[in-house]
PDB file of all heavy atoms in Angstrom:
ATOM      1  N   PRO A   1       0.819  -1.222  -0.007  1.00  0.00           N
ATOM      2  CA  PRO A   1       0.008   0.004   0.028  1.00  0.00           C
ATOM      3  C   PRO A   1       0.832   1.254  -0.017  1.00  0.00           C
ATOM      4  O   PRO A   1       1.964   1.237   0.535  1.00  0.00           O
ATOM      5  CB  PRO A   1      -0.807  -0.144   1.317  1.00  0.00           C
ATOM      6  CG  PRO A   1       0.058  -0.990   2.194  1.00  0.00           C
ATOM      7  CD  PRO A   1       0.760  -1.939   1.268  1.00  0.00           C
ATOM      8  N   ARG A   2       0.297   2.304  -0.588  1.00  0.00           N
ATOM      9  CA  ARG A   2       0.989   3.587  -0.584  1.00  0.00           C
ATOM     10  C   ARG A   2       0.342   4.529   0.398  1.00  0.00           C
ATOM     11  O   ARG A   2      -0.865   4.915   0.248  1.00  0.00           O
ATOM     12  CB  ARG A   2       0.955   4.193  -1.975  1.00  0.00           C
ATOM     13  CG  ARG A   2       1.646   5.521  -2.121  1.00  0.00           C
ATOM     14  CD  ARG A   2       1.582   6.082  -3.535  1.00  0.00           C
ATOM     15  NE  ARG A   2       2.280   7.344  -3.598  1.00  0.00           N
ATOM     16  CZ  ARG A   2       2.301   8.086  -4.700  1.00  0.00           C
ATOM     17  NH1 ARG A   2       1.696   7.661  -5.812  1.00  0.00           N
ATOM     18  NH2 ARG A   2       2.926   9.233  -4.770  1.00  0.00           N
ATOM     19  N   PRO A   3       1.006   4.887   1.479  1.00  0.00           N
ATOM     20  CA  PRO A   3       0.393   5.742   2.502  1.00  0.00           C
ATOM     21  C   PRO A   3      -0.103   7.021   1.872  1.00  0.00           C
ATOM     22  O   PRO A   3       0.494   7.551   0.915  1.00  0.00           O
ATOM     23  CB  PRO A   3       1.531   5.935   3.524  1.00  0.00           C
ATOM     24  CG  PRO A   3       2.453   4.813   3.260  1.00  0.00           C
ATOM     25  CD  PRO A   3       2.397   4.546   1.806  1.00  0.00           C
ATOM     26  N   GLY A   4      -1.120   7.620   2.538  1.00  0.00           N
ATOM     27  CA  GLY A   4      -1.602   8.896   2.102  1.00  0.00           C
ATOM     28  C   GLY A   4      -0.715  10.031   2.632  1.00  0.00           C
ATOM     29  O   GLY A   4       0.120   9.858   3.526  1.00  0.00           O
ATOM     30  N   SER A   5      -0.909  11.166   2.011  1.00  0.00           N
ATOM     31  CA  SER A   5      -0.168  12.362   2.432  1.00  0.00           C
ATOM     32  C   SER A   5      -0.889  13.035   3.562  1.00  0.00           C
ATOM     33  O   SER A   5      -2.044  12.802   3.836  1.00  0.00           O
ATOM     34  CB  SER A   5      -0.029  13.336   1.282  1.00  0.00           C
ATOM     35  OG  SER A   5       0.688  12.755   0.218  1.00  0.00           O
ATOM     36  N   SER A   6      -0.149  13.829   4.310  1.00  0.00           N
ATOM     37  CA  SER A   6      -0.724  14.578   5.454  1.00  0.00           C
ATOM     38  C   SER A   6      -0.914  16.046   5.080  1.00  0.00           C
ATOM     39  O   SER A   6      -0.273  16.590   4.194  1.00  0.00           O
ATOM     40  CB  SER A   6       0.233  14.496   6.666  1.00  0.00           C
ATOM     41  OG  SER A   6       0.301  13.117   7.075  1.00  0.00           O
ATOM     42  N   LEU A   7      -1.884  16.617   5.817  1.00  0.00           N
ATOM     43  CA  LEU A   7      -2.187  18.058   5.655  1.00  0.00           C
ATOM     44  C   LEU A   7      -1.714  18.854   6.871  1.00  0.00           C
ATOM     45  O   LEU A   7      -2.033  18.441   8.011  1.00  0.00           O
ATOM     46  CB  LEU A   7      -3.636  18.355   5.417  1.00  0.00           C
ATOM     47  CG  LEU A   7      -4.271  17.915   4.111  1.00  0.00           C
ATOM     48  CD1 LEU A   7      -5.746  18.145   4.143  1.00  0.00           C
ATOM     49  CD2 LEU A   7      -3.633  18.622   2.933  1.00  0.00           C
ATOM     50  N   GLN A   8      -0.959  19.856   6.688  1.00  0.00           N
ATOM     51  CA  GLN A   8      -0.604  20.761   7.721  1.00  0.00           C
ATOM     52  C   GLN A   8      -1.361  22.059   7.547  1.00  0.00           C
ATOM     53  O   GLN A   8      -1.213  22.748   6.550  1.00  0.00           O
ATOM     54  CB  GLN A   8       0.925  21.034   7.746  1.00  0.00           C
ATOM     55  CG  GLN A   8       1.321  21.873   8.982  1.00  0.00           C
ATOM     56  CD  GLN A   8       2.896  21.919   9.152  1.00  0.00           C
ATOM     57  OE1 GLN A   8       3.556  21.710   8.172  1.00  0.00           O
ATOM     58  NE2 GLN A   8       3.360  22.229  10.363  1.00  0.00           N
ATOM     59  N   LEU A   9      -2.193  22.301   8.575  1.00  0.00           N
ATOM     60  CA  LEU A   9      -3.100  23.441   8.454  1.00  0.00           C
ATOM     61  C   LEU A   9      -2.405  24.725   9.005  1.00  0.00           C
ATOM     62  O   LEU A   9      -1.372  24.643   9.660  1.00  0.00           O
ATOM     63  CB  LEU A   9      -4.388  23.178   9.245  1.00  0.00           C
ATOM     64  CG  LEU A   9      -5.175  21.900   8.754  1.00  0.00           C
ATOM     65  CD1 LEU A   9      -6.437  21.834   9.578  1.00  0.00           C
ATOM     66  CD2 LEU A   9      -5.446  21.863   7.297  1.00  0.00           C
ATOM     67  N   THR A  10      -3.097  25.827   8.779  1.00  0.00           N
ATOM     68  CA  THR A  10      -2.624  27.071   9.373  1.00  0.00           C
ATOM     69  C   THR A  10      -3.157  27.273  10.799  1.00  0.00           C
ATOM     70  O   THR A  10      -2.843  28.285  11.453  1.00  0.00           O
ATOM     71  CB  THR A  10      -3.085  28.285   8.441  1.00  0.00           C
ATOM     72  OG1 THR A  10      -4.548  28.212   8.394  1.00  0.00           O
ATOM     73  CG2 THR A  10      -2.473  28.139   7.077  1.00  0.00           C
ATOM     74  N   ILE A  11      -3.992  26.365  11.199  1.00  0.00           N
ATOM     75  CA  ILE A  11      -4.657  26.448  12.507  1.00  0.00           C
ATOM     76  C   ILE A  11      -3.641  26.309  13.621  1.00  0.00           C
ATOM     77  O   ILE A  11      -2.750  25.508  13.588  1.00  0.00           O
ATOM     78  CB  ILE A  11      -5.697  25.361  12.638  1.00  0.00           C
ATOM     79  CG1 ILE A  11      -6.810  25.556  11.644  1.00  0.00           C
ATOM     80  CG2 ILE A  11      -6.308  25.308  14.053  1.00  0.00           C
ATOM     81  CD1 ILE A  11      -7.604  26.811  11.824  1.00  0.00           C
ATOM     82  N   ASP A  12      -3.770  27.174  14.631  1.00  0.00           N
ATOM     83  CA  ASP A  12      -2.966  27.075  15.865  1.00  0.00           C
ATOM     84  C   ASP A  12      -3.811  26.348  16.889  1.00  0.00           C
ATOM     85  O   ASP A  12      -4.932  26.731  17.235  1.00  0.00           O
ATOM     86  CB  ASP A  12      -2.618  28.492  16.371  1.00  0.00           C
ATOM     87  CG  ASP A  12      -1.715  28.420  17.621  1.00  0.00           C
ATOM     88  OD1 ASP A  12      -2.014  27.801  18.589  1.00  0.00           O
ATOM     89  OD2 ASP A  12      -0.604  29.075  17.489  1.00  0.00           O
ATOM     90  N   ARG A  13      -3.300  25.177  17.296  1.00  0.00           N
ATOM     91  CA  ARG A  13      -4.054  24.259  18.193  1.00  0.00           C
ATOM     92  C   ARG A  13      -4.541  24.988  19.417  1.00  0.00           C
ATOM     93  O   ARG A  13      -5.721  24.875  19.861  1.00  0.00           O
ATOM     94  CB  ARG A  13      -3.233  23.056  18.470  1.00  0.00           C
ATOM     95  CG  ARG A  13      -3.872  22.047  19.436  1.00  0.00           C
ATOM     96  CD  ARG A  13      -2.853  20.951  19.787  1.00  0.00           C
ATOM     97  NE  ARG A  13      -3.389  20.031  20.756  1.00  0.00           N
ATOM     98  CZ  ARG A  13      -3.917  18.874  20.460  1.00  0.00           C
ATOM     99  NH1 ARG A  13      -4.079  18.541  19.185  1.00  0.00           N
ATOM    100  NH2 ARG A  13      -4.382  18.045  21.428  1.00  0.00           N
ATOM    101  N   ASP A  14      -3.649  25.688  20.102  1.00  0.00           N
ATOM    102  CA  ASP A  14      -3.991  26.354  21.368  1.00  0.00           C
ATOM    103  C   ASP A  14      -4.940  27.457  21.127  1.00  0.00           C
ATOM    104  O   ASP A  14      -5.933  27.661  21.954  1.00  0.00           O
ATOM    105  CB  ASP A  14      -2.665  26.912  22.012  1.00  0.00           C
ATOM    106  CG  ASP A  14      -1.757  25.808  22.375  1.00  0.00           C
ATOM    107  OD1 ASP A  14      -2.214  24.649  22.616  1.00  0.00           O
ATOM    108  OD2 ASP A  14      -0.547  26.038  22.473  1.00  0.00           O
ATOM    109  N   LEU A  15      -4.774  28.251  20.090  1.00  0.00           N
ATOM    110  CA  LEU A  15      -5.670  29.288  19.782  1.00  0.00           C
ATOM    111  C   LEU A  15      -7.106  28.799  19.377  1.00  0.00           C
ATOM    112  O   LEU A  15      -8.070  29.393  19.806  1.00  0.00           O
ATOM    113  CB  LEU A  15      -5.050  30.191  18.650  1.00  0.00           C
ATOM    114  CG  LEU A  15      -5.676  31.554  18.419  1.00  0.00           C
ATOM    115  CD1 LEU A  15      -5.592  32.402  19.660  1.00  0.00           C
ATOM    116  CD2 LEU A  15      -4.992  32.234  17.287  1.00  0.00           C
ATOM    117  N   GLN A  16      -7.113  27.689  18.676  1.00  0.00           N
ATOM    118  CA  GLN A  16      -8.365  27.106  18.302  1.00  0.00           C
ATOM    119  C   GLN A  16      -9.077  26.602  19.620  1.00  0.00           C
ATOM    120  O   GLN A  16     -10.329  26.837  19.675  1.00  0.00           O
ATOM    121  CB  GLN A  16      -8.139  25.895  17.379  1.00  0.00           C
ATOM    122  CG  GLN A  16      -9.382  25.178  17.000  1.00  0.00           C
ATOM    123  CD  GLN A  16     -10.241  25.928  16.026  1.00  0.00           C
ATOM    124  OE1 GLN A  16      -9.753  26.705  15.207  1.00  0.00           O
ATOM    125  NE2 GLN A  16     -11.539  25.650  16.056  1.00  0.00           N
ATOM    126  N   PHE A  17      -8.398  26.033  20.506  1.00  0.00           N
ATOM    127  CA  PHE A  17      -9.050  25.558  21.725  1.00  0.00           C
ATOM    128  C   PHE A  17      -9.658  26.674  22.553  1.00  0.00           C
ATOM    129  O   PHE A  17     -10.802  26.650  22.916  1.00  0.00           O
ATOM    130  CB  PHE A  17      -8.012  24.841  22.580  1.00  0.00           C
ATOM    131  CG  PHE A  17      -8.487  24.423  23.930  1.00  0.00           C
ATOM    132  CD1 PHE A  17      -9.268  23.297  24.068  1.00  0.00           C
ATOM    133  CD2 PHE A  17      -8.149  25.178  25.050  1.00  0.00           C
ATOM    134  CE1 PHE A  17      -9.755  22.926  25.347  1.00  0.00           C
ATOM    135  CE2 PHE A  17      -8.605  24.804  26.316  1.00  0.00           C
ATOM    136  CZ  PHE A  17      -9.366  23.705  26.435  1.00  0.00           C
ATOM    137  N   MET A  18      -8.899  27.804  22.681  1.00  0.00           N
ATOM    138  CA  MET A  18      -9.428  28.914  23.467  1.00  0.00           C
ATOM    139  C   MET A  18     -10.567  29.609  22.750  1.00  0.00           C
ATOM    140  O   MET A  18     -11.583  30.051  23.404  1.00  0.00           O
ATOM    141  CB  MET A  18      -8.334  29.891  23.766  1.00  0.00           C
ATOM    142  CG  MET A  18      -7.364  29.448  24.817  1.00  0.00           C
ATOM    143  SD  MET A  18      -8.176  29.072  26.407  1.00  0.00           S
ATOM    144  CE  MET A  18      -8.875  30.642  26.831  1.00  0.00           C
ATOM    145  N   THR A  19     -10.497  29.673  21.484  1.00  0.00           N
ATOM    146  CA  THR A  19     -11.573  30.296  20.670  1.00  0.00           C
ATOM    147  C   THR A  19     -12.868  29.544  20.867  1.00  0.00           C
ATOM    148  O   THR A  19     -13.944  30.102  21.103  1.00  0.00           O
ATOM    149  CB  THR A  19     -11.211  30.447  19.169  1.00  0.00           C
ATOM    150  OG1 THR A  19      -9.962  31.139  19.089  1.00  0.00           O
ATOM    151  CG2 THR A  19     -12.289  31.114  18.433  1.00  0.00           C
ATOM    152  N   GLN A  20     -12.755  28.228  20.779  1.00  0.00           N
ATOM    153  CA  GLN A  20     -13.980  27.401  20.921  1.00  0.00           C
ATOM    154  C   GLN A  20     -14.515  27.526  22.333  1.00  0.00           C
ATOM    155  O   GLN A  20     -15.741  27.587  22.571  1.00  0.00           O
ATOM    156  CB  GLN A  20     -13.688  25.944  20.589  1.00  0.00           C
ATOM    157  CG  GLN A  20     -13.471  25.630  19.142  1.00  0.00           C
ATOM    158  CD  GLN A  20     -13.350  24.163  18.853  1.00  0.00           C
ATOM    159  OE1 GLN A  20     -12.734  23.804  17.898  1.00  0.00           O
ATOM    160  NE2 GLN A  20     -13.963  23.329  19.627  1.00  0.00           N
ATOM    161  N   ARG A  21     -13.613  27.504  23.282  1.00  0.00           N
ATOM    162  CA  ARG A  21     -14.045  27.612  24.692  1.00  0.00           C
ATOM    163  C   ARG A  21     -14.749  28.915  25.063  1.00  0.00           C
ATOM    164  O   ARG A  21     -15.785  28.962  25.693  1.00  0.00           O
ATOM    165  CB  ARG A  21     -12.841  27.475  25.623  1.00  0.00           C
ATOM    166  CG  ARG A  21     -13.159  27.420  27.114  1.00  0.00           C
ATOM    167  CD  ARG A  21     -11.895  27.116  27.939  1.00  0.00           C
ATOM    168  NE  ARG A  21     -12.191  27.122  29.330  1.00  0.00           N
ATOM    169  CZ  ARG A  21     -11.223  26.920  30.244  1.00  0.00           C
ATOM    170  NH1 ARG A  21      -9.964  26.726  29.860  1.00  0.00           N
ATOM    171  NH2 ARG A  21     -11.527  26.865  31.533  1.00  0.00           N
ATOM    172  N   ILE A  22     -14.167  30.034  24.527  1.00  0.00           N
ATOM    173  CA  ILE A  22     -14.785  31.328  24.754  1.00  0.00           C
ATOM    174  C   ILE A  22     -16.144  31.468  24.068  1.00  0.00           C
ATOM    175  O   ILE A  22     -17.095  31.928  24.623  1.00  0.00           O
ATOM    176  CB  ILE A  22     -13.812  32.440  24.275  1.00  0.00           C
ATOM    177  CG1 ILE A  22     -12.571  32.501  25.126  1.00  0.00           C
ATOM    178  CG2 ILE A  22     -14.554  33.850  24.277  1.00  0.00           C
ATOM    179  CD1 ILE A  22     -11.424  33.370  24.521  1.00  0.00           C
ATOM    180  N   LEU A  23     -16.193  30.966  22.826  1.00  0.00           N
ATOM    181  CA  LEU A  23     -17.428  31.089  22.102  1.00  0.00           C
ATOM    182  C   LEU A  23     -18.553  30.286  22.747  1.00  0.00           C
ATOM    183  O   LEU A  23     -19.676  30.742  22.857  1.00  0.00           O
ATOM    184  CB  LEU A  23     -17.176  30.583  20.621  1.00  0.00           C
ATOM    185  CG  LEU A  23     -18.382  30.803  19.610  1.00  0.00           C
ATOM    186  CD1 LEU A  23     -18.665  32.285  19.484  1.00  0.00           C
ATOM    187  CD2 LEU A  23     -18.082  30.153  18.346  1.00  0.00           C
ATOM    188  N   ALA A  24     -18.202  29.070  23.200  1.00  0.00           N
ATOM    189  CA  ALA A  24     -19.207  28.235  23.872  1.00  0.00           C
ATOM    190  C   ALA A  24     -19.711  28.845  25.099  1.00  0.00           C
ATOM    191  O   ALA A  24     -20.919  28.829  25.444  1.00  0.00           O
ATOM    192  CB  ALA A  24     -18.539  26.854  24.152  1.00  0.00           C
ATOM    193  N   ARG A  25     -18.854  29.487  25.889  1.00  0.00           N
ATOM    194  CA  ARG A  25     -19.256  30.112  27.146  1.00  0.00           C
ATOM    195  C   ARG A  25     -20.135  31.319  26.903  1.00  0.00           C
ATOM    196  O   ARG A  25     -21.195  31.504  27.602  1.00  0.00           O
ATOM    197  CB  ARG A  25     -18.054  30.489  27.953  1.00  0.00           C
ATOM    198  CG  ARG A  25     -18.410  31.055  29.385  1.00  0.00           C
ATOM    199  CD  ARG A  25     -17.152  31.336  30.214  1.00  0.00           C
ATOM    200  NE  ARG A  25     -16.345  32.379  29.609  1.00  0.00           N
ATOM    201  CZ  ARG A  25     -15.132  32.159  29.065  1.00  0.00           C
ATOM    202  NH1 ARG A  25     -14.685  30.899  29.012  1.00  0.00           N
ATOM    203  NH2 ARG A  25     -14.424  33.175  28.596  1.00  0.00           N
ATOM    204  N   GLN A  26     -19.776  32.146  25.910  1.00  0.00           N
ATOM    205  CA  GLN A  26     -20.630  33.330  25.653  1.00  0.00           C
ATOM    206  C   GLN A  26     -21.939  32.911  24.998  1.00  0.00           C
ATOM    207  O   GLN A  26     -22.991  33.550  25.361  1.00  0.00           O
ATOM    208  CB  GLN A  26     -19.865  34.267  24.648  1.00  0.00           C
ATOM    209  CG  GLN A  26     -18.615  34.865  25.297  1.00  0.00           C
ATOM    210  CD  GLN A  26     -18.963  35.872  26.372  1.00  0.00           C
ATOM    211  OE1 GLN A  26     -20.093  36.459  26.470  1.00  0.00           O
ATOM    212  NE2 GLN A  26     -17.962  36.232  27.196  1.00  0.00           N
ATOM    213  N   VAL A  27     -21.909  31.959  24.152  1.00  0.00           N
ATOM    214  CA  VAL A  27     -23.155  31.543  23.441  1.00  0.00           C
ATOM    215  C   VAL A  27     -24.103  30.890  24.423  1.00  0.00           C
ATOM    216  O   VAL A  27     -25.350  30.874  24.172  1.00  0.00           O
ATOM    217  CB  VAL A  27     -22.836  30.635  22.283  1.00  0.00           C
ATOM    218  CG1 VAL A  27     -24.068  29.983  21.699  1.00  0.00           C
ATOM    219  CG2 VAL A  27     -22.104  31.450  21.182  1.00  0.00           C
ATOM    220  N   ALA A  28     -23.600  30.350  25.483  1.00  0.00           N
ATOM    221  CA  ALA A  28     -24.465  29.682  26.506  1.00  0.00           C
ATOM    222  C   ALA A  28     -25.513  30.660  27.040  1.00  0.00           C
ATOM    223  O   ALA A  28     -26.576  30.265  27.531  1.00  0.00           O
ATOM    224  CB  ALA A  28     -23.663  29.099  27.581  1.00  0.00           C
ATOM    225  N   GLN A  29     -25.244  32.014  26.962  1.00  0.00           N
ATOM    226  CA  GLN A  29     -26.204  32.962  27.430  1.00  0.00           C
ATOM    227  C   GLN A  29     -27.396  33.146  26.502  1.00  0.00           C
ATOM    228  O   GLN A  29     -28.442  33.711  26.879  1.00  0.00           O
ATOM    229  CB  GLN A  29     -25.502  34.313  27.553  1.00  0.00           C
ATOM    230  CG  GLN A  29     -24.258  34.285  28.507  1.00  0.00           C
ATOM    231  CD  GLN A  29     -23.536  35.617  28.490  1.00  0.00           C
ATOM    232  OE1 GLN A  29     -24.108  36.703  28.249  1.00  0.00           O
ATOM    233  NE2 GLN A  29     -22.246  35.567  28.756  1.00  0.00           N
ATOM    234  N   ALA A  30     -27.247  32.718  25.252  1.00  0.00           N
ATOM    235  CA  ALA A  30     -28.313  32.854  24.243  1.00  0.00           C
ATOM    236  C   ALA A  30     -28.760  31.423  23.887  1.00  0.00           C
ATOM    237  O   ALA A  30     -28.105  30.698  23.213  1.00  0.00           O
ATOM    238  CB  ALA A  30     -27.825  33.590  23.043  1.00  0.00           C
ATOM    239  N   LYS A  31     -29.981  31.137  24.280  1.00  0.00           N
ATOM    240  CA  LYS A  31     -30.512  29.804  24.028  1.00  0.00           C
ATOM    241  C   LYS A  31     -30.779  29.584  22.559  1.00  0.00           C
ATOM    242  O   LYS A  31     -31.299  30.401  21.876  1.00  0.00           O
ATOM    243  CB  LYS A  31     -31.797  29.615  24.849  1.00  0.00           C
ATOM    244  CG  LYS A  31     -31.701  29.855  26.344  1.00  0.00           C
ATOM    245  CD  LYS A  31     -30.751  28.839  26.993  1.00  0.00           C
ATOM    246  CE  LYS A  31     -30.691  29.037  28.516  1.00  0.00           C
ATOM    247  NZ  LYS A  31     -29.772  28.063  29.148  1.00  0.00           N
ATOM    248  N   GLY A  32     -30.417  28.336  22.139  1.00  0.00           N
ATOM    249  CA  GLY A  32     -30.665  27.881  20.790  1.00  0.00           C
ATOM    250  C   GLY A  32     -29.955  28.711  19.725  1.00  0.00           C
ATOM    251  O   GLY A  32     -30.453  28.866  18.610  1.00  0.00           O
ATOM    252  N   SER A  33     -28.771  29.212  20.079  1.00  0.00           N
ATOM    253  CA  SER A  33     -28.109  30.100  19.139  1.00  0.00           C
ATOM    254  C   SER A  33     -27.132  29.300  18.268  1.00  0.00           C
ATOM    255  O   SER A  33     -26.784  28.191  18.543  1.00  0.00           O
ATOM    256  CB  SER A  33     -27.312  31.158  19.923  1.00  0.00           C
ATOM    257  OG  SER A  33     -26.430  30.560  20.803  1.00  0.00           O
ATOM    258  N   VAL A  34     -26.737  29.972  17.190  1.00  0.00           N
ATOM    259  CA  VAL A  34     -25.704  29.491  16.307  1.00  0.00           C
ATOM    260  C   VAL A  34     -24.653  30.514  16.167  1.00  0.00           C
ATOM    261  O   VAL A  34     -24.972  31.754  15.982  1.00  0.00           O
ATOM    262  CB  VAL A  34     -26.244  29.124  14.889  1.00  0.00           C
ATOM    263  CG1 VAL A  34     -25.127  28.705  13.955  1.00  0.00           C
ATOM    264  CG2 VAL A  34     -27.318  28.025  14.960  1.00  0.00           C
ATOM    265  N   ALA A  35     -23.371  30.155  16.301  1.00  0.00           N
ATOM    266  CA  ALA A  35     -22.293  31.139  16.378  1.00  0.00           C
ATOM    267  C   ALA A  35     -21.100  30.634  15.578  1.00  0.00           C
ATOM    268  O   ALA A  35     -20.861  29.502  15.371  1.00  0.00           O
ATOM    269  CB  ALA A  35     -21.909  31.402  17.812  1.00  0.00           C
ATOM    270  N   ALA A  36     -20.293  31.670  15.110  1.00  0.00           N
ATOM    271  CA  ALA A  36     -19.099  31.395  14.411  1.00  0.00           C
ATOM    272  C   ALA A  36     -18.038  32.445  14.776  1.00  0.00           C
ATOM    273  O   ALA A  36     -18.367  33.585  15.124  1.00  0.00           O
ATOM    274  CB  ALA A  36     -19.276  31.433  12.928  1.00  0.00           C
TER     275      ALA A  36
END
């Protein structure tokens, strides 16, 4: 078999984690909301 190639993203793992955490906490104040 020929292994697949890998993708290196521009995403910063730590920054992504904190962004998701902050967004989830703030959005919790608005019921049934969708955020990005």
